[in-house]
């Protein structure tokens, strides 16, 4: 993706290494896998006062930056070495992509006689606070409607490449464009509408189906952005589209479920299958028209 020496967004809150905001040495919640692994031990500890004391000490140590579970699970780190120069370059890149989303959506909203309100983007590593609660690296990038901010732990992009084989800068641009898609939905009133629909939905399956439609529309909006950004800034290089499609496929619910548990449970999908995510991103980038992003909401 062509991005260097171009304008960056001013709507960036850089909280990397800021312990006052929950970054730096502070840790997010342990992963669900770690909790499930440790649950039998935790249950036994909860039966005695001494066990409660051990849990309390462990919790303090964990959120201070030391993982007491590391010797058992083999997954803990006291610190993570970050190449500051590379990290700063990553921050500049994603700030440039944010600027591109601002320019594109401002023009699209203007075509419809509306005004685009630019969201803030919070960059962090480890954990930080958001209007929607604690943000951590285990959660991944997300948009918070309460404070209209996109939260991105830059470490997620390392995981995207290493664990999901989704390399390349345009794969990362797709991730941000997807979260900006949720901001568009918030401005349109779609997120509020869906929350009301979820209250009337039948069971968790019904709620999940609604959420899948939300996520697929955000994928489509990401494609719409890419279409317009190419026309305006000539950002695409050979292989960029394939990078985004590979990223969309690698984080489909069916793919993630197979990796985690070896089988697929469609009723538990919350973001859509790999095929669905690729299809809706492709619809957006081919048409460049938000009207093609009707997922039935």
C-alpha atoms as a PDB file:
ATOM      1  CA  UNK A   1       0.000   0.000   0.000  1.00  0.00           C
ATOM      2  CA  UNK A   2       1.302   3.454  -0.890  1.00  0.00           C
ATOM      3  CA  UNK A   3       1.191   5.499   2.278  1.00  0.00           C
ATOM      4  CA  UNK A   4       4.563   7.017   3.181  1.00  0.00           C
ATOM      5  CA  UNK A   5       5.028  10.797   3.095  1.00  0.00           C
ATOM      6  CA  UNK A   6       1.289  11.378   3.081  1.00  0.00           C
ATOM      7  CA  UNK A   7      -0.932  13.190   5.569  1.00  0.00           C
ATOM      8  CA  UNK A   8      -1.750  11.536   8.872  1.00  0.00           C
ATOM      9  CA  UNK A   9      -4.872  12.007  10.950  1.00  0.00           C
ATOM     10  CA  UNK A  10      -4.834  14.293  13.979  1.00  0.00           C
ATOM     11  CA  UNK A  11      -7.558  12.207  15.635  1.00  0.00           C
ATOM     12  CA  UNK A  12      -5.130   9.819  17.317  1.00  0.00           C
ATOM     13  CA  UNK A  13      -4.703   9.205  21.036  1.00  0.00           C
ATOM     14  CA  UNK A  14      -1.362   7.488  21.463  1.00  0.00           C
ATOM     15  CA  UNK A  15      -1.438   5.601  24.770  1.00  0.00           C
ATOM     16  CA  UNK A  16       1.418   3.210  24.036  1.00  0.00           C
ATOM     17  CA  UNK A  17       3.504   2.802  27.155  1.00  0.00           C
ATOM     18  CA  UNK A  18       1.214   5.046  29.225  1.00  0.00           C
ATOM     19  CA  UNK A  19       0.602   3.125  32.442  1.00  0.00           C
ATOM     20  CA  UNK A  20      -1.837   5.784  33.661  1.00  0.00           C
ATOM     21  CA  UNK A  21      -4.230   4.678  30.957  1.00  0.00           C
ATOM     22  CA  UNK A  22      -3.768   1.008  31.608  1.00  0.00           C
ATOM     23  CA  UNK A  23      -1.027   0.505  29.023  1.00  0.00           C
ATOM     24  CA  UNK A  24       2.622  -0.286  29.515  1.00  0.00           C
ATOM     25  CA  UNK A  25       3.034  -2.728  32.399  1.00  0.00           C
ATOM     26  CA  UNK A  26      -0.683  -3.151  33.027  1.00  0.00           C
ATOM     27  CA  UNK A  27      -2.171  -6.364  31.701  1.00  0.00           C
ATOM     28  CA  UNK A  28      -5.563  -7.149  30.266  1.00  0.00           C
ATOM     29  CA  UNK A  29      -7.767 -10.004  31.394  1.00  0.00           C
ATOM     30  CA  UNK A  30      -6.309 -13.496  30.892  1.00  0.00           C
ATOM     31  CA  UNK A  31      -7.572 -15.318  27.825  1.00  0.00           C
ATOM     32  CA  UNK A  32     -10.618 -17.569  28.067  1.00  0.00           C
ATOM     33  CA  UNK A  33      -8.403 -20.542  27.313  1.00  0.00           C
ATOM     34  CA  UNK A  34      -6.201 -19.756  30.311  1.00  0.00           C
ATOM     35  CA  UNK A  35      -9.239 -19.300  32.575  1.00  0.00           C
ATOM     36  CA  UNK A  36     -10.746 -22.637  31.493  1.00  0.00           C
ATOM     37  CA  UNK A  37      -7.397 -24.385  31.977  1.00  0.00           C
ATOM     38  CA  UNK A  38      -7.020 -23.010  35.506  1.00  0.00           C
ATOM     39  CA  UNK A  39     -10.660 -23.276  36.605  1.00  0.00           C
ATOM     40  CA  UNK A  40     -10.371 -26.643  38.440  1.00  0.00           C
ATOM     41  CA  UNK A  41      -7.467 -25.241  40.489  1.00  0.00           C
ATOM     42  CA  UNK A  42      -9.306 -21.971  41.136  1.00  0.00           C
ATOM     43  CA  UNK A  43     -12.391 -23.862  42.342  1.00  0.00           C
ATOM     44  CA  UNK A  44     -10.340 -25.703  44.962  1.00  0.00           C
ATOM     45  CA  UNK A  45      -8.662 -22.488  46.124  1.00  0.00           C
ATOM     46  CA  UNK A  46     -12.027 -20.775  46.578  1.00  0.00           C
ATOM     47  CA  UNK A  47     -12.980 -23.301  49.284  1.00  0.00           C
ATOM     48  CA  UNK A  48     -10.474 -21.992  51.850  1.00  0.00           C
ATOM     49  CA  UNK A  49      -9.383 -18.619  53.222  1.00  0.00           C
ATOM     50  CA  UNK A  50      -5.782 -19.474  52.357  1.00  0.00           C
ATOM     51  CA  UNK A  51      -6.884 -20.190  48.788  1.00  0.00           C
ATOM     52  CA  UNK A  52      -8.582 -16.790  48.576  1.00  0.00           C
ATOM     53  CA  UNK A  53      -5.339 -15.192  49.761  1.00  0.00           C
ATOM     54  CA  UNK A  54      -3.370 -16.974  47.031  1.00  0.00           C
ATOM     55  CA  UNK A  55      -5.848 -15.787  44.394  1.00  0.00           C
ATOM     56  CA  UNK A  56      -5.618 -12.190  45.676  1.00  0.00           C
ATOM     57  CA  UNK A  57      -1.811 -12.184  45.582  1.00  0.00           C
ATOM     58  CA  UNK A  58      -1.841 -13.753  42.125  1.00  0.00           C
ATOM     59  CA  UNK A  59      -4.281 -11.161  40.810  1.00  0.00           C
ATOM     60  CA  UNK A  60      -2.171  -8.269  42.104  1.00  0.00           C
ATOM     61  CA  UNK A  61       0.959  -9.782  40.549  1.00  0.00           C
ATOM     62  CA  UNK A  62      -0.777 -10.423  37.220  1.00  0.00           C
ATOM     63  CA  UNK A  63      -2.110  -6.914  36.771  1.00  0.00           C
ATOM     64  CA  UNK A  64       1.239  -5.469  37.850  1.00  0.00           C
ATOM     65  CA  UNK A  65       2.871  -7.071  34.825  1.00  0.00           C
ATOM     66  CA  UNK A  66       3.981 -10.479  36.144  1.00  0.00           C
ATOM     67  CA  UNK A  67       2.003 -13.525  35.069  1.00  0.00           C
ATOM     68  CA  UNK A  68       2.009 -16.085  37.922  1.00  0.00           C
ATOM     69  CA  UNK A  69       0.388 -18.603  35.579  1.00  0.00           C
ATOM     70  CA  UNK A  70       3.332 -18.612  33.182  1.00  0.00           C
ATOM     71  CA  UNK A  71       5.111 -21.507  34.906  1.00  0.00           C
ATOM     72  CA  UNK A  72       1.951 -23.624  34.558  1.00  0.00           C
ATOM     73  CA  UNK A  73       0.580 -22.609  31.168  1.00  0.00           C
ATOM     74  CA  UNK A  74       3.874 -21.665  29.562  1.00  0.00           C
ATOM     75  CA  UNK A  75       2.233 -18.599  28.020  1.00  0.00           C
ATOM     76  CA  UNK A  76       3.123 -15.721  30.329  1.00  0.00           C
ATOM     77  CA  UNK A  77       5.564 -12.876  29.878  1.00  0.00           C
ATOM     78  CA  UNK A  78       6.647 -10.252  32.321  1.00  0.00           C
ATOM     79  CA  UNK A  79       7.483  -7.851  29.511  1.00  0.00           C
ATOM     80  CA  UNK A  80       7.234  -7.756  25.757  1.00  0.00           C
ATOM     81  CA  UNK A  81      10.166  -6.387  23.811  1.00  0.00           C
ATOM     82  CA  UNK A  82       8.994  -3.833  21.284  1.00  0.00           C
ATOM     83  CA  UNK A  83      11.113  -2.410  18.481  1.00  0.00           C
ATOM     84  CA  UNK A  84      10.300   1.252  19.083  1.00  0.00           C
ATOM     85  CA  UNK A  85      11.319   2.389  15.605  1.00  0.00           C
ATOM     86  CA  UNK A  86       9.158  -0.249  13.947  1.00  0.00           C
ATOM     87  CA  UNK A  87       6.327   0.465  16.393  1.00  0.00           C
ATOM     88  CA  UNK A  88       6.418   4.181  15.585  1.00  0.00           C
ATOM     89  CA  UNK A  89       6.359   3.399  11.867  1.00  0.00           C
ATOM     90  CA  UNK A  90       3.333   1.176  12.463  1.00  0.00           C
ATOM     91  CA  UNK A  91       1.609   4.018  14.317  1.00  0.00           C
ATOM     92  CA  UNK A  92       2.316   6.444  11.454  1.00  0.00           C
ATOM     93  CA  UNK A  93       0.955   3.965   8.945  1.00  0.00           C
ATOM     94  CA  UNK A  94      -2.324   3.384  10.744  1.00  0.00           C
ATOM     95  CA  UNK A  95      -2.710   7.153  11.333  1.00  0.00           C
ATOM     96  CA  UNK A  96      -2.324   7.649   7.571  1.00  0.00           C
ATOM     97  CA  UNK A  97      -5.005   5.051   6.885  1.00  0.00           C
ATOM     98  CA  UNK A  98      -7.268   6.805   9.396  1.00  0.00           C
ATOM     99  CA  UNK A  99      -6.791  10.068   7.493  1.00  0.00           C
ATOM    100  CA  UNK A 100      -7.761   8.300   4.276  1.00  0.00           C
ATOM    101  CA  UNK A 101     -10.963   7.006   5.884  1.00  0.00           C
ATOM    102  CA  UNK A 102     -11.791  10.530   7.054  1.00  0.00           C
ATOM    103  CA  UNK A 103     -11.352  12.006   3.573  1.00  0.00           C
ATOM    104  CA  UNK A 104     -13.364   9.262   1.864  1.00  0.00           C
ATOM    105  CA  UNK A 105     -16.292   9.149   4.271  1.00  0.00           C
ATOM    106  CA  UNK A 106     -16.487  12.922   4.430  1.00  0.00           C
ATOM    107  CA  UNK A 107     -17.035  12.951   0.652  1.00  0.00           C
ATOM    108  CA  UNK A 108     -19.546  10.097   0.717  1.00  0.00           C
ATOM    109  CA  UNK A 109     -21.605  11.680   3.484  1.00  0.00           C
ATOM    110  CA  UNK A 110     -21.541  14.991   1.602  1.00  0.00           C
ATOM    111  CA  UNK A 111     -23.071  13.262  -1.425  1.00  0.00           C
ATOM    112  CA  UNK A 112     -26.019  12.323   0.775  1.00  0.00           C
ATOM    113  CA  UNK A 113     -26.339  15.792   2.269  1.00  0.00           C
ATOM    114  CA  UNK A 114     -24.914  14.717   5.615  1.00  0.00           C
ATOM    115  CA  UNK A 115     -21.847  15.644   7.677  1.00  0.00           C
ATOM    116  CA  UNK A 116     -19.302  13.048   8.675  1.00  0.00           C
ATOM    117  CA  UNK A 117     -18.144  13.165  12.284  1.00  0.00           C
ATOM    118  CA  UNK A 118     -14.560  11.937  12.551  1.00  0.00           C
ATOM    119  CA  UNK A 119     -13.949   9.336  15.280  1.00  0.00           C
ATOM    120  CA  UNK A 120     -10.860   9.164  17.469  1.00  0.00           C
ATOM    121  CA  UNK A 121      -8.449   6.255  17.262  1.00  0.00           C
ATOM    122  CA  UNK A 122      -6.728   5.042  20.435  1.00  0.00           C
ATOM    123  CA  UNK A 123      -3.410   3.240  19.976  1.00  0.00           C
ATOM    124  CA  UNK A 124      -2.190   1.148  22.876  1.00  0.00           C
ATOM    125  CA  UNK A 125      -0.293  -1.981  23.837  1.00  0.00           C
ATOM    126  CA  UNK A 126      -1.413  -4.357  26.555  1.00  0.00           C
ATOM    127  CA  UNK A 127      -4.498  -2.737  28.035  1.00  0.00           C
ATOM    128  CA  UNK A 128      -6.289   0.577  28.377  1.00  0.00           C
ATOM    129  CA  UNK A 129      -9.646   2.012  29.399  1.00  0.00           C
ATOM    130  CA  UNK A 130     -12.499   2.687  27.005  1.00  0.00           C
ATOM    131  CA  UNK A 131     -16.025   4.020  27.220  1.00  0.00           C
ATOM    132  CA  UNK A 132     -17.151   0.412  26.777  1.00  0.00           C
ATOM    133  CA  UNK A 133     -14.987  -0.994  29.568  1.00  0.00           C
ATOM    134  CA  UNK A 134     -11.469  -2.363  29.748  1.00  0.00           C
ATOM    135  CA  UNK A 135      -9.704  -2.872  26.434  1.00  0.00           C
ATOM    136  CA  UNK A 136      -7.014  -5.519  26.166  1.00  0.00           C
ATOM    137  CA  UNK A 137      -4.939  -7.318  23.587  1.00  0.00           C
ATOM    138  CA  UNK A 138      -7.125 -10.422  24.012  1.00  0.00           C
ATOM    139  CA  UNK A 139     -10.169  -8.502  22.760  1.00  0.00           C
ATOM    140  CA  UNK A 140      -8.616  -7.271  19.535  1.00  0.00           C
ATOM    141  CA  UNK A 141      -9.509  -4.051  17.685  1.00  0.00           C
ATOM    142  CA  UNK A 142     -12.994  -2.715  18.370  1.00  0.00           C
ATOM    143  CA  UNK A 143     -15.215   0.339  18.042  1.00  0.00           C
ATOM    144  CA  UNK A 144     -16.875   1.783  21.127  1.00  0.00           C
ATOM    145  CA  UNK A 145     -20.142   3.636  20.366  1.00  0.00           C
ATOM    146  CA  UNK A 146     -20.198   5.155  23.856  1.00  0.00           C
ATOM    147  CA  UNK A 147     -17.147   7.361  23.251  1.00  0.00           C
ATOM    148  CA  UNK A 148     -17.038   7.052  19.431  1.00  0.00           C
ATOM    149  CA  UNK A 149     -13.466   5.771  19.425  1.00  0.00           C
ATOM    150  CA  UNK A 150     -11.669   2.932  17.681  1.00  0.00           C
ATOM    151  CA  UNK A 151      -9.286   0.991  19.948  1.00  0.00           C
ATOM    152  CA  UNK A 152      -6.309  -0.762  18.401  1.00  0.00           C
ATOM    153  CA  UNK A 153      -3.584  -2.667  20.199  1.00  0.00           C
ATOM    154  CA  UNK A 154      -0.745  -2.596  17.667  1.00  0.00           C
ATOM    155  CA  UNK A 155       0.275  -6.057  18.852  1.00  0.00           C
ATOM    156  CA  UNK A 156      -2.845  -7.410  17.131  1.00  0.00           C
ATOM    157  CA  UNK A 157      -1.213  -6.897  13.751  1.00  0.00           C
ATOM    158  CA  UNK A 158       1.680  -9.135  14.816  1.00  0.00           C
ATOM    159  CA  UNK A 159      -0.857 -11.798  15.794  1.00  0.00           C
ATOM    160  CA  UNK A 160      -2.730 -11.336  12.514  1.00  0.00           C
ATOM    161  CA  UNK A 161       0.439 -12.144  10.607  1.00  0.00           C
ATOM    162  CA  UNK A 162       1.865 -14.907  12.823  1.00  0.00           C
ATOM    163  CA  UNK A 163      -1.248 -16.777  13.941  1.00  0.00           C
ATOM    164  CA  UNK A 164      -3.548 -16.170  10.988  1.00  0.00           C
ATOM    165  CA  UNK A 165      -1.026 -15.843   8.148  1.00  0.00           C
ATOM    166  CA  UNK A 166      -2.589 -12.527   7.131  1.00  0.00           C
ATOM    167  CA  UNK A 167       0.477 -10.448   6.331  1.00  0.00           C
ATOM    168  CA  UNK A 168       0.810  -7.117   4.569  1.00  0.00           C
ATOM    169  CA  UNK A 169      -0.035  -3.515   5.302  1.00  0.00           C
ATOM    170  CA  UNK A 170      -3.326  -3.569   3.423  1.00  0.00           C
ATOM    171  CA  UNK A 171      -4.537  -6.411   5.630  1.00  0.00           C
ATOM    172  CA  UNK A 172      -4.026  -4.014   8.533  1.00  0.00           C
ATOM    173  CA  UNK A 173      -5.757  -1.208   6.647  1.00  0.00           C
ATOM    174  CA  UNK A 174      -8.753  -3.508   6.158  1.00  0.00           C
ATOM    175  CA  UNK A 175      -8.956  -4.103   9.917  1.00  0.00           C
ATOM    176  CA  UNK A 176      -9.127  -0.373  10.659  1.00  0.00           C
ATOM    177  CA  UNK A 177     -11.563   0.248   7.786  1.00  0.00           C
ATOM    178  CA  UNK A 178     -13.844  -2.454   9.238  1.00  0.00           C
ATOM    179  CA  UNK A 179     -13.889  -0.722  12.636  1.00  0.00           C
ATOM    180  CA  UNK A 180     -14.589   2.615  10.957  1.00  0.00           C
ATOM    181  CA  UNK A 181     -17.478   0.804   9.292  1.00  0.00           C
ATOM    182  CA  UNK A 182     -18.972   0.357  12.762  1.00  0.00           C
ATOM    183  CA  UNK A 183     -18.618   4.112  13.314  1.00  0.00           C
ATOM    184  CA  UNK A 184     -20.617   4.657  10.116  1.00  0.00           C
ATOM    185  CA  UNK A 185     -23.272   2.289  11.461  1.00  0.00           C
ATOM    186  CA  UNK A 186     -23.347   4.236  14.702  1.00  0.00           C
ATOM    187  CA  UNK A 187     -23.880   7.502  12.845  1.00  0.00           C
ATOM    188  CA  UNK A 188     -26.623   5.914  10.747  1.00  0.00           C
ATOM    189  CA  UNK A 189     -28.380   4.665  13.887  1.00  0.00           C
ATOM    190  CA  UNK A 190     -27.889   1.036  12.845  1.00  0.00           C
ATOM    191  CA  UNK A 191     -26.136  -0.027  16.042  1.00  0.00           C
ATOM    192  CA  UNK A 192     -28.932   1.361  18.214  1.00  0.00           C
ATOM    193  CA  UNK A 193     -31.534  -0.290  15.991  1.00  0.00           C
ATOM    194  CA  UNK A 194     -29.790  -3.647  16.225  1.00  0.00           C
ATOM    195  CA  UNK A 195     -29.573  -3.444  20.013  1.00  0.00           C
ATOM    196  CA  UNK A 196     -33.347  -2.967  20.106  1.00  0.00           C
ATOM    197  CA  UNK A 197     -33.827  -5.876  17.707  1.00  0.00           C
ATOM    198  CA  UNK A 198     -31.640  -8.091  19.901  1.00  0.00           C
ATOM    199  CA  UNK A 199     -33.984  -7.513  22.831  1.00  0.00           C
ATOM    200  CA  UNK A 200     -36.780  -9.047  20.760  1.00  0.00           C
ATOM    201  CA  UNK A 201     -34.659 -11.826  19.263  1.00  0.00           C
ATOM    202  CA  UNK A 202     -35.281 -15.417  20.249  1.00  0.00           C
ATOM    203  CA  UNK A 203     -32.340 -16.679  22.269  1.00  0.00           C
ATOM    204  CA  UNK A 204     -28.624 -16.342  21.738  1.00  0.00           C
ATOM    205  CA  UNK A 205     -28.852 -17.764  18.229  1.00  0.00           C
ATOM    206  CA  UNK A 206     -31.121 -14.923  17.139  1.00  0.00           C
ATOM    207  CA  UNK A 207     -28.830 -12.305  18.682  1.00  0.00           C
ATOM    208  CA  UNK A 208     -25.800 -13.836  16.992  1.00  0.00           C
ATOM    209  CA  UNK A 209     -27.489 -13.752  13.600  1.00  0.00           C
ATOM    210  CA  UNK A 210     -28.156 -10.037  13.997  1.00  0.00           C
ATOM    211  CA  UNK A 211     -24.554  -9.414  15.029  1.00  0.00           C
ATOM    212  CA  UNK A 212     -23.284 -11.288  11.971  1.00  0.00           C
ATOM    213  CA  UNK A 213     -25.267  -8.906   9.757  1.00  0.00           C
ATOM    214  CA  UNK A 214     -23.672  -5.958  11.556  1.00  0.00           C
ATOM    215  CA  UNK A 215     -20.167  -7.319  11.023  1.00  0.00           C
ATOM    216  CA  UNK A 216     -20.695  -8.210   7.372  1.00  0.00           C
ATOM    217  CA  UNK A 217     -22.007  -4.727   6.657  1.00  0.00           C
ATOM    218  CA  UNK A 218     -18.869  -3.280   8.278  1.00  0.00           C
ATOM    219  CA  UNK A 219     -16.809  -5.518   5.965  1.00  0.00           C
ATOM    220  CA  UNK A 220     -18.735  -4.141   3.007  1.00  0.00           C
ATOM    221  CA  UNK A 221     -18.172  -0.558   4.181  1.00  0.00           C
ATOM    222  CA  UNK A 222     -14.452  -1.350   4.413  1.00  0.00           C
ATOM    223  CA  UNK A 223     -14.595  -2.372   0.760  1.00  0.00           C
ATOM    224  CA  UNK A 224     -16.437   0.831  -0.181  1.00  0.00           C
ATOM    225  CA  UNK A 225     -13.683   2.818   1.508  1.00  0.00           C
ATOM    226  CA  UNK A 226     -10.972   0.925  -0.383  1.00  0.00           C
ATOM    227  CA  UNK A 227     -12.720   1.639  -3.705  1.00  0.00           C
ATOM    228  CA  UNK A 228     -12.859   5.385  -3.083  1.00  0.00           C
ATOM    229  CA  UNK A 229      -9.413   5.593  -1.479  1.00  0.00           C
ATOM    230  CA  UNK A 230      -7.873   4.022  -4.578  1.00  0.00           C
ATOM    231  CA  UNK A 231      -9.586   6.541  -6.847  1.00  0.00           C
ATOM    232  CA  UNK A 232      -8.580   9.483  -4.682  1.00  0.00           C
ATOM    233  CA  UNK A 233      -5.108   8.529  -3.399  1.00  0.00           C
ATOM    234  CA  UNK A 234      -3.988   5.683  -5.704  1.00  0.00           C
ATOM    235  CA  UNK A 235      -3.087   3.614  -2.652  1.00  0.00           C
ATOM    236  CA  UNK A 236      -3.174   0.081  -4.043  1.00  0.00           C
ATOM    237  CA  UNK A 237      -0.124  -1.894  -5.040  1.00  0.00           C
ATOM    238  CA  UNK A 238       0.034  -5.370  -6.527  1.00  0.00           C
ATOM    239  CA  UNK A 239      -1.232  -7.952  -4.056  1.00  0.00           C
ATOM    240  CA  UNK A 240      -2.993  -5.493  -1.721  1.00  0.00           C
ATOM    241  CA  UNK A 241      -6.522  -6.700  -2.469  1.00  0.00           C
ATOM    242  CA  UNK A 242      -5.404 -10.287  -1.915  1.00  0.00           C
ATOM    243  CA  UNK A 243      -3.959  -9.252   1.474  1.00  0.00           C
ATOM    244  CA  UNK A 244      -7.310  -7.834   2.583  1.00  0.00           C
ATOM    245  CA  UNK A 245      -9.249 -10.847   1.298  1.00  0.00           C
ATOM    246  CA  UNK A 246      -6.848 -13.210   3.062  1.00  0.00           C
ATOM    247  CA  UNK A 247      -7.294 -11.253   6.301  1.00  0.00           C
ATOM    248  CA  UNK A 248     -11.099 -11.335   5.965  1.00  0.00           C
ATOM    249  CA  UNK A 249     -10.972 -15.083   5.367  1.00  0.00           C
ATOM    250  CA  UNK A 250      -8.528 -15.824   8.187  1.00  0.00           C
ATOM    251  CA  UNK A 251     -10.737 -14.228  10.844  1.00  0.00           C
ATOM    252  CA  UNK A 252     -14.017 -15.788   9.741  1.00  0.00           C
ATOM    253  CA  UNK A 253     -15.885 -17.539  12.546  1.00  0.00           C
ATOM    254  CA  UNK A 254     -15.641 -20.986  10.965  1.00  0.00           C
ATOM    255  CA  UNK A 255     -11.887 -20.684  10.489  1.00  0.00           C
ATOM    256  CA  UNK A 256     -11.323 -19.456  14.041  1.00  0.00           C
ATOM    257  CA  UNK A 257     -13.555 -22.155  15.520  1.00  0.00           C
ATOM    258  CA  UNK A 258     -11.715 -24.890  13.632  1.00  0.00           C
ATOM    259  CA  UNK A 259      -8.399 -23.572  14.919  1.00  0.00           C
ATOM    260  CA  UNK A 260      -9.628 -23.302  18.510  1.00  0.00           C
ATOM    261  CA  UNK A 261     -11.757 -26.439  18.930  1.00  0.00           C
ATOM    262  CA  UNK A 262     -11.463 -28.488  15.766  1.00  0.00           C
ATOM    263  CA  UNK A 263     -15.102 -28.161  14.688  1.00  0.00           C
ATOM    264  CA  UNK A 264     -17.617 -25.493  13.604  1.00  0.00           C
ATOM    265  CA  UNK A 265     -20.775 -24.309  15.374  1.00  0.00           C
ATOM    266  CA  UNK A 266     -22.648 -22.005  12.946  1.00  0.00           C
ATOM    267  CA  UNK A 267     -25.203 -20.937  15.577  1.00  0.00           C
ATOM    268  CA  UNK A 268     -22.326 -19.417  17.557  1.00  0.00           C
ATOM    269  CA  UNK A 269     -21.100 -17.249  14.676  1.00  0.00           C
ATOM    270  CA  UNK A 270     -20.897 -13.540  15.577  1.00  0.00           C
ATOM    271  CA  UNK A 271     -18.908 -12.156  12.626  1.00  0.00           C
ATOM    272  CA  UNK A 272     -19.739 -14.450   9.734  1.00  0.00           C
ATOM    273  CA  UNK A 273     -17.966 -17.270   7.941  1.00  0.00           C
ATOM    274  CA  UNK A 274     -14.757 -16.729   5.995  1.00  0.00           C
ATOM    275  CA  UNK A 275     -16.688 -16.970   2.730  1.00  0.00           C
ATOM    276  CA  UNK A 276     -19.268 -14.429   3.894  1.00  0.00           C
ATOM    277  CA  UNK A 277     -16.643 -11.925   5.038  1.00  0.00           C
ATOM    278  CA  UNK A 278     -14.745 -12.171   1.761  1.00  0.00           C
ATOM    279  CA  UNK A 279     -17.982 -11.855  -0.242  1.00  0.00           C
ATOM    280  CA  UNK A 280     -19.160  -8.705   1.489  1.00  0.00           C
ATOM    281  CA  UNK A 281     -15.767  -6.973   1.407  1.00  0.00           C
ATOM    282  CA  UNK A 282     -15.572  -7.777  -2.302  1.00  0.00           C
ATOM    283  CA  UNK A 283     -19.074  -6.343  -2.864  1.00  0.00           C
ATOM    284  CA  UNK A 284     -18.016  -3.061  -1.329  1.00  0.00           C
ATOM    285  CA  UNK A 285     -14.731  -2.709  -3.156  1.00  0.00           C
ATOM    286  CA  UNK A 286     -16.237  -3.621  -6.525  1.00  0.00           C
ATOM    287  CA  UNK A 287     -19.200  -1.258  -6.307  1.00  0.00           C
ATOM    288  CA  UNK A 288     -17.949   1.604  -4.136  1.00  0.00           C
ATOM    289  CA  UNK A 289     -21.610   2.129  -3.265  1.00  0.00           C
ATOM    290  CA  UNK A 290     -22.923   1.872   0.288  1.00  0.00           C
ATOM    291  CA  UNK A 291     -26.314   0.843  -1.095  1.00  0.00           C
ATOM    292  CA  UNK A 292     -24.808  -2.548  -1.949  1.00  0.00           C
ATOM    293  CA  UNK A 293     -24.062  -3.087   1.750  1.00  0.00           C
ATOM    294  CA  UNK A 294     -27.613  -3.994   2.741  1.00  0.00           C
ATOM    295  CA  UNK A 295     -27.253  -7.096   4.898  1.00  0.00           C
ATOM    296  CA  UNK A 296     -30.880  -7.034   5.985  1.00  0.00           C
ATOM    297  CA  UNK A 297     -30.610  -4.626   8.920  1.00  0.00           C
END
